[in-house]
Structure formats: structure tokens, C-alpha cells
């Protein structure tokens, strides 16, 4: 688990954020991780998986926030792949990848 991930979720929930995990990962794989991160479902409000992603002409998956049906002026995406917010660049916060290091 990325250091401070659970603390981040707790703090965001405490101040009233809706938390949607939107991953390009497969549902079973992602759920196995998210169930460890939030086993009682206290922090994560919704989970979206690869089947909710879009693909470009080369078949590369990316996330389009417009499918959320939320006010995009109040929506952020925090991701280690900048291409995942190409459709809504002003909504993206780019973070470093983490490999248990």
C-alpha cells in the first residue's frame, strides 16, 4: 500500500469529499486491493474499473471524467499517469509512481 494512502482517504472523507476510485485495472484485481485498503467501505464511495475507461486509437486505456456525471469544476483526478487526465487536464494532479520503495 502506498504510504499514507489510508490517512489521505480518512482526511478527505472527514472534510466531506466523495471518493471515487477509478482504475484501469481489472475489477477482480482492483477489488482485492481496495478491499484491503477500505475493508468496511467507510471511505471509498464508488469504484470504477477498466470497463469504465475509454481507449484511444492504439487501444490504450484512459479515464474520461465526464462519465462520472459530476460537476467537473469540483472534480479532481489524482493519478501517476498524466494521460489519464488528457481529456480534462485542469482536473489532474500528477503524482509519482510507487513501487513499494
PDB file of N, CA and C in Angstrom:
ATOM      1  N   UNK A   1       0.842  -1.176   0.000  1.00  0.00           N
ATOM      2  CA  UNK A   1       0.000   0.000   0.000  1.00  0.00           C
ATOM      3  C   UNK A   1       0.894   1.249   0.000  1.00  0.00           C
ATOM      4  N   UNK A   2       0.522   2.199  -0.800  1.00  0.00           N
ATOM      5  CA  UNK A   2       1.277   3.454  -0.852  1.00  0.00           C
ATOM      6  C   UNK A   2       1.256   4.097   0.537  1.00  0.00           C
ATOM      7  N   UNK A   3       2.418   4.566   1.010  1.00  0.00           N
ATOM      8  CA  UNK A   3       2.440   5.210   2.329  1.00  0.00           C
ATOM      9  C   UNK A   3       1.424   6.355   2.424  1.00  0.00           C
ATOM     10  N   UNK A   4       0.724   6.401   3.529  1.00  0.00           N
ATOM     11  CA  UNK A   4      -0.244   7.447   3.863  1.00  0.00           C
ATOM     12  C   UNK A   4      -1.530   7.406   3.034  1.00  0.00           C
ATOM     13  N   UNK A   5      -1.736   6.362   2.242  1.00  0.00           N
ATOM     14  CA  UNK A   5      -2.950   6.279   1.416  1.00  0.00           C
ATOM     15  C   UNK A   5      -4.202   6.247   2.282  1.00  0.00           C
ATOM     16  N   UNK A   6      -4.202   5.433   3.307  1.00  0.00           N
ATOM     17  CA  UNK A   6      -5.380   5.340   4.166  1.00  0.00           C
ATOM     18  C   UNK A   6      -5.602   6.651   4.924  1.00  0.00           C
ATOM     19  N   UNK A   7      -4.548   7.246   5.397  1.00  0.00           N
ATOM     20  CA  UNK A   7      -4.662   8.537   6.085  1.00  0.00           C
ATOM     21  C   UNK A   7      -5.268   9.584   5.151  1.00  0.00           C
ATOM     22  N   UNK A   8      -4.820   9.594   3.912  1.00  0.00           N
ATOM     23  CA  UNK A   8      -5.361  10.526   2.922  1.00  0.00           C
ATOM     24  C   UNK A   8      -6.871  10.319   2.743  1.00  0.00           C
ATOM     25  N   UNK A   9      -7.284   9.068   2.564  1.00  0.00           N
ATOM     26  CA  UNK A   9      -8.713   8.781   2.392  1.00  0.00           C
ATOM     27  C   UNK A   9      -9.515   9.223   3.607  1.00  0.00           C
ATOM     28  N   UNK A  10      -9.009   8.925   4.795  1.00  0.00           N
ATOM     29  CA  UNK A  10      -9.704   9.309   6.025  1.00  0.00           C
ATOM     30  C   UNK A  10      -9.882  10.816   6.116  1.00  0.00           C
ATOM     31  N   UNK A  11      -8.820  11.552   5.825  1.00  0.00           N
ATOM     32  CA  UNK A  11      -8.880  13.016   5.921  1.00  0.00           C
ATOM     33  C   UNK A  11      -9.811  13.615   4.874  1.00  0.00           C
ATOM     34  N   UNK A  12      -9.769  13.098   3.661  1.00  0.00           N
ATOM     35  CA  UNK A  12     -10.647  13.619   2.611  1.00  0.00           C
ATOM     36  C   UNK A  12     -12.108  13.340   2.948  1.00  0.00           C
ATOM     37  N   UNK A  13     -12.370  12.173   3.486  1.00  0.00           N
ATOM     38  CA  UNK A  13     -13.741  11.819   3.865  1.00  0.00           C
ATOM     39  C   UNK A  13     -14.225  12.705   5.010  1.00  0.00           C
ATOM     40  N   UNK A  14     -13.316  12.976   5.952  1.00  0.00           N
ATOM     41  CA  UNK A  14     -13.650  13.782   7.118  1.00  0.00           C
ATOM     42  C   UNK A  14     -14.112  15.192   6.717  1.00  0.00           C
ATOM     43  N   UNK A  15     -13.520  15.742   5.666  1.00  0.00           N
ATOM     44  CA  UNK A  15     -13.897  17.100   5.240  1.00  0.00           C
ATOM     45  C   UNK A  15     -14.984  17.090   4.174  1.00  0.00           C
ATOM     46  N   UNK A  16     -15.535  15.909   3.867  1.00  0.00           N
ATOM     47  CA  UNK A  16     -16.727  15.845   3.038  1.00  0.00           C
ATOM     48  C   UNK A  16     -16.554  15.497   1.565  1.00  0.00           C
ATOM     49  N   UNK A  17     -15.384  15.040   1.148  1.00  0.00           N
ATOM     50  CA  UNK A  17     -15.198  14.666  -0.252  1.00  0.00           C
ATOM     51  C   UNK A  17     -15.891  13.343  -0.568  1.00  0.00           C
ATOM     52  N   UNK A  18     -16.448  13.254  -1.765  1.00  0.00           N
ATOM     53  CA  UNK A  18     -16.903  11.976  -2.304  1.00  0.00           C
ATOM     54  C   UNK A  18     -15.668  11.342  -2.938  1.00  0.00           C
ATOM     55  N   UNK A  19     -15.381  10.107  -2.590  1.00  0.00           N
ATOM     56  CA  UNK A  19     -14.176   9.448  -3.090  1.00  0.00           C
ATOM     57  C   UNK A  19     -14.577   8.340  -4.057  1.00  0.00           C
ATOM     58  N   UNK A  20     -14.110   8.502  -5.297  1.00  0.00           N
ATOM     59  CA  UNK A  20     -14.356   7.522  -6.348  1.00  0.00           C
ATOM     60  C   UNK A  20     -12.998   6.982  -6.791  1.00  0.00           C
ATOM     61  N   UNK A  21     -12.808   5.693  -6.671  1.00  0.00           N
ATOM     62  CA  UNK A  21     -11.595   5.068  -7.192  1.00  0.00           C
ATOM     63  C   UNK A  21     -11.890   4.677  -8.633  1.00  0.00           C
ATOM     64  N   UNK A  22     -11.109   5.211  -9.547  1.00  0.00           N
ATOM     65  CA  UNK A  22     -11.289   4.994 -10.985  1.00  0.00           C
ATOM     66  C   UNK A  22      -9.982   4.418 -11.489  1.00  0.00           C
ATOM     67  N   UNK A  23      -9.962   3.132 -11.756  1.00  0.00           N
ATOM     68  CA  UNK A  23      -8.730   2.462 -12.156  1.00  0.00           C
ATOM     69  C   UNK A  23      -8.882   1.813 -13.525  1.00  0.00           C
ATOM     70  N   UNK A  24      -7.771   1.732 -14.227  1.00  0.00           N
ATOM     71  CA  UNK A  24      -7.749   0.995 -15.494  1.00  0.00           C
ATOM     72  C   UNK A  24      -7.498  -0.491 -15.238  1.00  0.00           C
ATOM     73  N   UNK A  25      -7.398  -0.853 -13.980  1.00  0.00           N
ATOM     74  CA  UNK A  25      -7.204  -2.253 -13.615  1.00  0.00           C
ATOM     75  C   UNK A  25      -8.483  -3.056 -13.765  1.00  0.00           C
ATOM     76  N   UNK A  26      -8.308  -4.361 -13.871  1.00  0.00           N
ATOM     77  CA  UNK A  26      -9.447  -5.278 -13.937  1.00  0.00           C
ATOM     78  C   UNK A  26     -10.169  -5.295 -12.596  1.00  0.00           C
ATOM     79  N   UNK A  27     -11.465  -5.519 -12.620  1.00  0.00           N
ATOM     80  CA  UNK A  27     -12.309  -5.441 -11.432  1.00  0.00           C
ATOM     81  C   UNK A  27     -11.836  -6.357 -10.304  1.00  0.00           C
ATOM     82  N   UNK A  28     -11.610  -7.630 -10.572  1.00  0.00           N
ATOM     83  CA  UNK A  28     -11.221  -8.570  -9.518  1.00  0.00           C
ATOM     84  C   UNK A  28      -9.896  -8.183  -8.878  1.00  0.00           C
ATOM     85  N   UNK A  29      -8.934  -7.811  -9.700  1.00  0.00           N
ATOM     86  CA  UNK A  29      -7.618  -7.401  -9.194  1.00  0.00           C
ATOM     87  C   UNK A  29      -7.746  -6.147  -8.334  1.00  0.00           C
ATOM     88  N   UNK A  30      -8.432  -5.137  -8.844  1.00  0.00           N
ATOM     89  CA  UNK A  30      -8.570  -3.873  -8.121  1.00  0.00           C
ATOM     90  C   UNK A  30      -9.347  -4.060  -6.820  1.00  0.00           C
ATOM     91  N   UNK A  31     -10.419  -4.828  -6.865  1.00  0.00           N
ATOM     92  CA  UNK A  31     -11.199  -5.050  -5.653  1.00  0.00           C
ATOM     93  C   UNK A  31     -10.387  -5.753  -4.567  1.00  0.00           C
ATOM     94  N   UNK A  32      -9.501  -6.656  -4.960  1.00  0.00           N
ATOM     95  CA  UNK A  32      -8.692  -7.347  -3.952  1.00  0.00           C
ATOM     96  C   UNK A  32      -7.802  -6.354  -3.200  1.00  0.00           C
ATOM     97  N   UNK A  33      -7.349  -5.326  -3.872  1.00  0.00           N
ATOM     98  CA  UNK A  33      -6.523  -4.292  -3.237  1.00  0.00           C
ATOM     99  C   UNK A  33      -7.398  -3.314  -2.449  1.00  0.00           C
ATOM    100  N   UNK A  34      -8.475  -2.863  -3.058  1.00  0.00           N
ATOM    101  CA  UNK A  34      -9.340  -1.880  -2.405  1.00  0.00           C
ATOM    102  C   UNK A  34     -10.022  -2.451  -1.169  1.00  0.00           C
ATOM    103  N   UNK A  35     -10.313  -3.747  -1.182  1.00  0.00           N
ATOM    104  CA  UNK A  35     -10.920  -4.387  -0.013  1.00  0.00           C
ATOM    105  C   UNK A  35      -9.958  -4.406   1.173  1.00  0.00           C
ATOM    106  N   UNK A  36      -8.665  -4.424   0.905  1.00  0.00           N
ATOM    107  CA  UNK A  36      -7.669  -4.342   1.981  1.00  0.00           C
ATOM    108  C   UNK A  36      -7.506  -2.903   2.455  1.00  0.00           C
ATOM    109  N   UNK A  37      -7.580  -1.963   1.534  1.00  0.00           N
ATOM    110  CA  UNK A  37      -7.441  -0.548   1.859  1.00  0.00           C
ATOM    111  C   UNK A  37      -8.635  -0.034   2.662  1.00  0.00           C
ATOM    112  N   UNK A  38      -9.813  -0.460   2.282  1.00  0.00           N
ATOM    113  CA  UNK A  38     -11.048   0.025   2.911  1.00  0.00           C
ATOM    114  C   UNK A  38     -11.997  -1.157   3.134  1.00  0.00           C
ATOM    115  N   UNK A  39     -11.657  -2.074   4.059  1.00  0.00           N
ATOM    116  CA  UNK A  39     -12.430  -3.304   4.217  1.00  0.00           C
ATOM    117  C   UNK A  39     -13.878  -3.108   4.660  1.00  0.00           C
ATOM    118  N   UNK A  40     -14.185  -2.028   5.342  1.00  0.00           N
ATOM    119  CA  UNK A  40     -15.545  -1.796   5.818  1.00  0.00           C
ATOM    120  C   UNK A  40     -16.318  -0.817   4.942  1.00  0.00           C
ATOM    121  N   UNK A  41     -15.699  -0.358   3.853  1.00  0.00           N
ATOM    122  CA  UNK A  41     -16.371   0.559   2.939  1.00  0.00           C
ATOM    123  C   UNK A  41     -16.690   1.912   3.551  1.00  0.00           C
ATOM    124  N   UNK A  42     -15.842   2.380   4.445  1.00  0.00           N
ATOM    125  CA  UNK A  42     -16.080   3.647   5.136  1.00  0.00           C
ATOM    126  C   UNK A  42     -15.602   4.860   4.354  1.00  0.00           C
ATOM    127  N   UNK A  43     -14.660   4.681   3.430  1.00  0.00           N
ATOM    128  CA  UNK A  43     -14.028   5.826   2.785  1.00  0.00           C
ATOM    129  C   UNK A  43     -14.299   5.917   1.289  1.00  0.00           C
ATOM    130  N   UNK A  44     -14.296   4.798   0.613  1.00  0.00           N
ATOM    131  CA  UNK A  44     -14.481   4.786  -0.839  1.00  0.00           C
ATOM    132  C   UNK A  44     -15.972   4.703  -1.148  1.00  0.00           C
ATOM    133  N   UNK A  45     -16.479   5.721  -1.852  1.00  0.00           N
ATOM    134  CA  UNK A  45     -17.909   5.768  -2.178  1.00  0.00           C
ATOM    135  C   UNK A  45     -18.269   4.950  -3.415  1.00  0.00           C
ATOM    136  N   UNK A  46     -17.396   4.968  -4.412  1.00  0.00           N
ATOM    137  CA  UNK A  46     -17.666   4.262  -5.672  1.00  0.00           C
ATOM    138  C   UNK A  46     -16.364   3.721  -6.232  1.00  0.00           C
ATOM    139  N   UNK A  47     -16.488   2.651  -6.991  1.00  0.00           N
ATOM    140  CA  UNK A  47     -15.337   2.027  -7.642  1.00  0.00           C
ATOM    141  C   UNK A  47     -15.648   1.875  -9.131  1.00  0.00           C
ATOM    142  N   UNK A  48     -14.744   2.369  -9.954  1.00  0.00           N
ATOM    143  CA  UNK A  48     -14.856   2.207 -11.410  1.00  0.00           C
ATOM    144  C   UNK A  48     -13.609   1.490 -11.907  1.00  0.00           C
ATOM    145  N   UNK A  49     -13.797   0.611 -12.885  1.00  0.00           N
ATOM    146  CA  UNK A  49     -12.718  -0.256 -13.343  1.00  0.00           C
ATOM    147  C   UNK A  49     -12.482  -0.093 -14.840  1.00  0.00           C
ATOM    148  N   UNK A  50     -11.671  -0.977 -15.369  1.00  0.00           N
ATOM    149  CA  UNK A  50     -11.289  -0.919 -16.785  1.00  0.00           C
ATOM    150  C   UNK A  50     -12.490  -0.795 -17.713  1.00  0.00           C
ATOM    151  N   UNK A  51     -13.600  -1.440 -17.378  1.00  0.00           N
ATOM    152  CA  UNK A  51     -14.765  -1.385 -18.261  1.00  0.00           C
ATOM    153  C   UNK A  51     -15.399   0.009 -18.315  1.00  0.00           C
ATOM    154  N   UNK A  52     -14.989   0.906 -17.424  1.00  0.00           N
ATOM    155  CA  UNK A  52     -15.465   2.291 -17.453  1.00  0.00           C
ATOM    156  C   UNK A  52     -14.484   3.223 -18.145  1.00  0.00           C
ATOM    157  N   UNK A  53     -13.339   2.694 -18.537  1.00  0.00           N
ATOM    158  CA  UNK A  53     -12.313   3.504 -19.208  1.00  0.00           C
ATOM    159  C   UNK A  53     -12.617   3.626 -20.696  1.00  0.00           C
ATOM    160  N   UNK A  54     -12.023   4.636 -21.290  1.00  0.00           N
ATOM    161  CA  UNK A  54     -12.066   4.814 -22.734  1.00  0.00           C
ATOM    162  C   UNK A  54     -10.759   4.303 -23.314  1.00  0.00           C
ATOM    163  N   UNK A  55     -10.718   4.121 -24.625  1.00  0.00           N
ATOM    164  CA  UNK A  55      -9.471   3.731 -25.287  1.00  0.00           C
ATOM    165  C   UNK A  55      -9.181   4.680 -26.433  1.00  0.00           C
ATOM    166  N   UNK A  56      -7.901   4.909 -26.654  1.00  0.00           N
ATOM    167  CA  UNK A  56      -7.515   5.743 -27.786  1.00  0.00           C
ATOM    168  C   UNK A  56      -7.400   4.867 -29.040  1.00  0.00           C
ATOM    169  N   UNK A  57      -6.929   5.443 -30.128  1.00  0.00           N
ATOM    170  CA  UNK A  57      -6.847   4.721 -31.401  1.00  0.00           C
ATOM    171  C   UNK A  57      -5.893   3.527 -31.342  1.00  0.00           C
ATOM    172  N   UNK A  58      -4.944   3.570 -30.401  1.00  0.00           N
ATOM    173  CA  UNK A  58      -3.986   2.471 -30.260  1.00  0.00           C
ATOM    174  C   UNK A  58      -4.452   1.424 -29.248  1.00  0.00           C
ATOM    175  N   UNK A  59      -5.639   1.616 -28.662  1.00  0.00           N
ATOM    176  CA  UNK A  59      -6.162   0.675 -27.689  1.00  0.00           C
ATOM    177  C   UNK A  59      -5.661   0.895 -26.275  1.00  0.00           C
ATOM    178  N   UNK A  60      -5.045   2.056 -26.027  1.00  0.00           N
ATOM    179  CA  UNK A  60      -4.534   2.380 -24.700  1.00  0.00           C
ATOM    180  C   UNK A  60      -5.683   2.939 -23.857  1.00  0.00           C
ATOM    181  N   UNK A  61      -5.830   2.418 -22.655  1.00  0.00           N
ATOM    182  CA  UNK A  61      -6.899   2.853 -21.766  1.00  0.00           C
ATOM    183  C   UNK A  61      -6.587   4.211 -21.153  1.00  0.00           C
ATOM    184  N   UNK A  62      -7.621   5.020 -20.950  1.00  0.00           N
ATOM    185  CA  UNK A  62      -7.504   6.274 -20.211  1.00  0.00           C
ATOM    186  C   UNK A  62      -8.841   6.571 -19.550  1.00  0.00           C
ATOM    187  N   UNK A  63      -8.830   7.531 -18.641  1.00  0.00           N
ATOM    188  CA  UNK A  63     -10.021   7.857 -17.856  1.00  0.00           C
ATOM    189  C   UNK A  63     -10.623   9.173 -18.349  1.00  0.00           C
ATOM    190  N   UNK A  64     -11.912   9.153 -18.613  1.00  0.00           N
ATOM    191  CA  UNK A  64     -12.641  10.349 -19.022  1.00  0.00           C
ATOM    192  C   UNK A  64     -13.603  10.701 -17.896  1.00  0.00           C
ATOM    193  N   UNK A  65     -13.321  11.776 -17.188  1.00  0.00           N
ATOM    194  CA  UNK A  65     -14.115  12.152 -16.019  1.00  0.00           C
ATOM    195  C   UNK A  65     -15.550  12.520 -16.356  1.00  0.00           C
ATOM    196  N   UNK A  66     -15.838  12.803 -17.614  1.00  0.00           N
ATOM    197  CA  UNK A  66     -17.208  13.188 -17.980  1.00  0.00           C
ATOM    198  C   UNK A  66     -18.212  12.061 -17.726  1.00  0.00           C
ATOM    199  N   UNK A  67     -17.743  10.806 -17.671  1.00  0.00           N
ATOM    200  CA  UNK A  67     -18.676   9.702 -17.423  1.00  0.00           C
ATOM    201  C   UNK A  67     -19.184   9.672 -15.977  1.00  0.00           C
ATOM    202  N   UNK A  68     -18.529  10.436 -15.098  1.00  0.00           N
ATOM    203  CA  UNK A  68     -18.919  10.424 -13.693  1.00  0.00           C
ATOM    204  C   UNK A  68     -20.251  11.118 -13.437  1.00  0.00           C
ATOM    205  N   UNK A  69     -20.633  12.022 -14.333  1.00  0.00           N
ATOM    206  CA  UNK A  69     -21.869  12.757 -14.122  1.00  0.00           C
ATOM    207  C   UNK A  69     -21.765  13.751 -12.970  1.00  0.00           C
ATOM    208  N   UNK A  70     -20.566  14.212 -12.690  1.00  0.00           N
ATOM    209  CA  UNK A  70     -20.326  15.166 -11.608  1.00  0.00           C
ATOM    210  C   UNK A  70     -19.939  16.519 -12.200  1.00  0.00           C
ATOM    211  N   UNK A  71     -20.084  17.553 -11.400  1.00  0.00           N
ATOM    212  CA  UNK A  71     -19.646  18.895 -11.780  1.00  0.00           C
ATOM    213  C   UNK A  71     -18.123  18.864 -11.891  1.00  0.00           C
ATOM    214  N   UNK A  72     -17.600  18.981 -13.109  1.00  0.00           N
ATOM    215  CA  UNK A  72     -16.156  18.876 -13.308  1.00  0.00           C
ATOM    216  C   UNK A  72     -15.383  20.031 -12.691  1.00  0.00           C
ATOM    217  N   UNK A  73     -16.059  21.131 -12.379  1.00  0.00           N
ATOM    218  CA  UNK A  73     -15.360  22.233 -11.701  1.00  0.00           C
ATOM    219  C   UNK A  73     -15.078  21.884 -10.238  1.00  0.00           C
ATOM    220  N   UNK A  74     -15.660  20.778  -9.772  1.00  0.00           N
ATOM    221  CA  UNK A  74     -15.459  20.328  -8.392  1.00  0.00           C
ATOM    222  C   UNK A  74     -14.892  18.910  -8.342  1.00  0.00           C
ATOM    223  N   UNK A  75     -14.259  18.488  -9.436  1.00  0.00           N
ATOM    224  CA  UNK A  75     -13.766  17.116  -9.547  1.00  0.00           C
ATOM    225  C   UNK A  75     -12.271  17.111  -9.817  1.00  0.00           C
ATOM    226  N   UNK A  76     -11.539  16.261  -9.088  1.00  0.00           N
ATOM    227  CA  UNK A  76     -10.102  16.087  -9.283  1.00  0.00           C
ATOM    228  C   UNK A  76      -9.806  14.643  -9.611  1.00  0.00           C
ATOM    229  N   UNK A  77      -8.746  14.451 -10.374  1.00  0.00           N
ATOM    230  CA  UNK A  77      -8.207  13.117 -10.580  1.00  0.00           C
ATOM    231  C   UNK A  77      -6.747  13.167 -10.150  1.00  0.00           C
ATOM    232  N   UNK A  78      -6.393  12.234  -9.284  1.00  0.00           N
ATOM    233  CA  UNK A  78      -5.020  12.111  -8.804  1.00  0.00           C
ATOM    234  C   UNK A  78      -4.494  10.820  -9.404  1.00  0.00           C
ATOM    235  N   UNK A  79      -3.454  10.931 -10.235  1.00  0.00           N
ATOM    236  CA  UNK A  79      -3.008   9.758 -10.985  1.00  0.00           C
ATOM    237  C   UNK A  79      -1.514   9.837 -11.264  1.00  0.00           C
ATOM    238  N   UNK A  80      -0.888   8.674 -11.383  1.00  0.00           N
ATOM    239  CA  UNK A  80       0.526   8.635 -11.732  1.00  0.00           C
ATOM    240  C   UNK A  80       0.754   8.638 -13.242  1.00  0.00           C
ATOM    241  N   UNK A  81      -0.298   8.562 -14.035  1.00  0.00           N
ATOM    242  CA  UNK A  81      -0.183   8.616 -15.494  1.00  0.00           C
ATOM    243  C   UNK A  81      -0.930   9.848 -16.005  1.00  0.00           C
ATOM    244  N   UNK A  82      -0.185  10.828 -16.470  1.00  0.00           N
ATOM    245  CA  UNK A  82      -0.793  12.087 -16.917  1.00  0.00           C
ATOM    246  C   UNK A  82      -1.780  11.874 -18.065  1.00  0.00           C
ATOM    247  N   UNK A  83      -1.584  10.830 -18.873  1.00  0.00           N
ATOM    248  CA  UNK A  83      -2.514  10.592 -19.987  1.00  0.00           C
ATOM    249  C   UNK A  83      -3.937  10.334 -19.481  1.00  0.00           C
ATOM    250  N   UNK A  84      -4.061   9.931 -18.220  1.00  0.00           N
ATOM    251  CA  UNK A  84      -5.379   9.642 -17.671  1.00  0.00           C
ATOM    252  C   UNK A  84      -6.213  10.887 -17.421  1.00  0.00           C
ATOM    253  N   UNK A  85      -5.609  12.052 -17.527  1.00  0.00           N
ATOM    254  CA  UNK A  85      -6.418  13.262 -17.461  1.00  0.00           C
ATOM    255  C   UNK A  85      -6.194  14.164 -18.670  1.00  0.00           C
ATOM    256  N   UNK A  86      -5.839  13.562 -19.792  1.00  0.00           N
ATOM    257  CA  UNK A  86      -5.707  14.309 -21.051  1.00  0.00           C
ATOM    258  C   UNK A  86      -7.014  14.986 -21.452  1.00  0.00           C
ATOM    259  N   UNK A  87      -8.155  14.337 -21.201  1.00  0.00           N
ATOM    260  CA  UNK A  87      -9.457  14.908 -21.581  1.00  0.00           C
ATOM    261  C   UNK A  87      -9.836  16.095 -20.701  1.00  0.00           C
ATOM    262  N   UNK A  88      -9.359  16.106 -19.462  1.00  0.00           N
ATOM    263  CA  UNK A  88      -9.659  17.175 -18.509  1.00  0.00           C
ATOM    264  C   UNK A  88      -8.361  17.574 -17.788  1.00  0.00           C
ATOM    265  N   UNK A  89      -7.409  18.183 -18.506  1.00  0.00           N
ATOM    266  CA  UNK A  89      -6.094  18.462 -17.912  1.00  0.00           C
ATOM    267  C   UNK A  89      -6.133  19.379 -16.690  1.00  0.00           C
ATOM    268  N   UNK A  90      -7.086  20.276 -16.613  1.00  0.00           N
ATOM    269  CA  UNK A  90      -7.128  21.177 -15.454  1.00  0.00           C
ATOM    270  C   UNK A  90      -7.650  20.474 -14.202  1.00  0.00           C
ATOM    271  N   UNK A  91      -8.144  19.251 -14.342  1.00  0.00           N
ATOM    272  CA  UNK A  91      -8.647  18.491 -13.197  1.00  0.00           C
ATOM    273  C   UNK A  91      -7.590  17.542 -12.629  1.00  0.00           C
ATOM    274  N   UNK A  92      -6.454  17.442 -13.277  1.00  0.00           N
ATOM    275  CA  UNK A  92      -5.477  16.424 -12.908  1.00  0.00           C
ATOM    276  C   UNK A  92      -4.394  16.891 -11.962  1.00  0.00           C
ATOM    277  N   UNK A  93      -4.059  16.017 -11.031  1.00  0.00           N
ATOM    278  CA  UNK A  93      -2.898  16.178 -10.165  1.00  0.00           C
ATOM    279  C   UNK A  93      -2.007  14.970 -10.432  1.00  0.00           C
ATOM    280  N   UNK A  94      -0.837  15.233 -10.988  1.00  0.00           N
ATOM    281  CA  UNK A  94       0.084  14.153 -11.347  1.00  0.00           C
ATOM    282  C   UNK A  94       0.952  13.808 -10.140  1.00  0.00           C
ATOM    283  N   UNK A  95       1.012  12.518  -9.807  1.00  0.00           N
ATOM    284  CA  UNK A  95       1.859  12.054  -8.710  1.00  0.00           C
ATOM    285  C   UNK A  95       2.863  11.040  -9.248  1.00  0.00           C
ATOM    286  N   UNK A  96       3.902  10.817  -8.499  1.00  0.00           N
ATOM    287  CA  UNK A  96       4.929   9.847  -8.887  1.00  0.00           C
ATOM    288  C   UNK A  96       4.378   8.432  -8.746  1.00  0.00           C
ATOM    289  N   UNK A  97       4.899   7.548  -9.578  1.00  0.00           N
ATOM    290  CA  UNK A  97       4.579   6.126  -9.432  1.00  0.00           C
ATOM    291  C   UNK A  97       5.219   5.624  -8.152  1.00  0.00           C
ATOM    292  N   UNK A  98       4.652   4.562  -7.605  1.00  0.00           N
ATOM    293  CA  UNK A  98       5.193   3.984  -6.369  1.00  0.00           C
ATOM    294  C   UNK A  98       5.271   2.481  -6.520  1.00  0.00           C
ATOM    295  N   UNK A  99       6.459   1.937  -6.228  1.00  0.00           N
ATOM    296  CA  UNK A  99       6.703   0.508  -6.393  1.00  0.00           C
ATOM    297  C   UNK A  99       7.223  -0.124  -5.114  1.00  0.00           C
ATOM    298  N   UNK A 100       6.545   0.131  -3.991  1.00  0.00           N
ATOM    299  CA  UNK A 100       6.945  -0.421  -2.692  1.00  0.00           C
ATOM    300  C   UNK A 100       8.354   0.008  -2.289  1.00  0.00           C
ATOM    301  N   UNK A 101       8.771   1.161  -2.762  1.00  0.00           N
ATOM    302  CA  UNK A 101      10.118   1.639  -2.443  1.00  0.00           C
ATOM    303  C   UNK A 101      10.076   2.875  -1.563  1.00  0.00           C
TER     304      UNK A 101
END
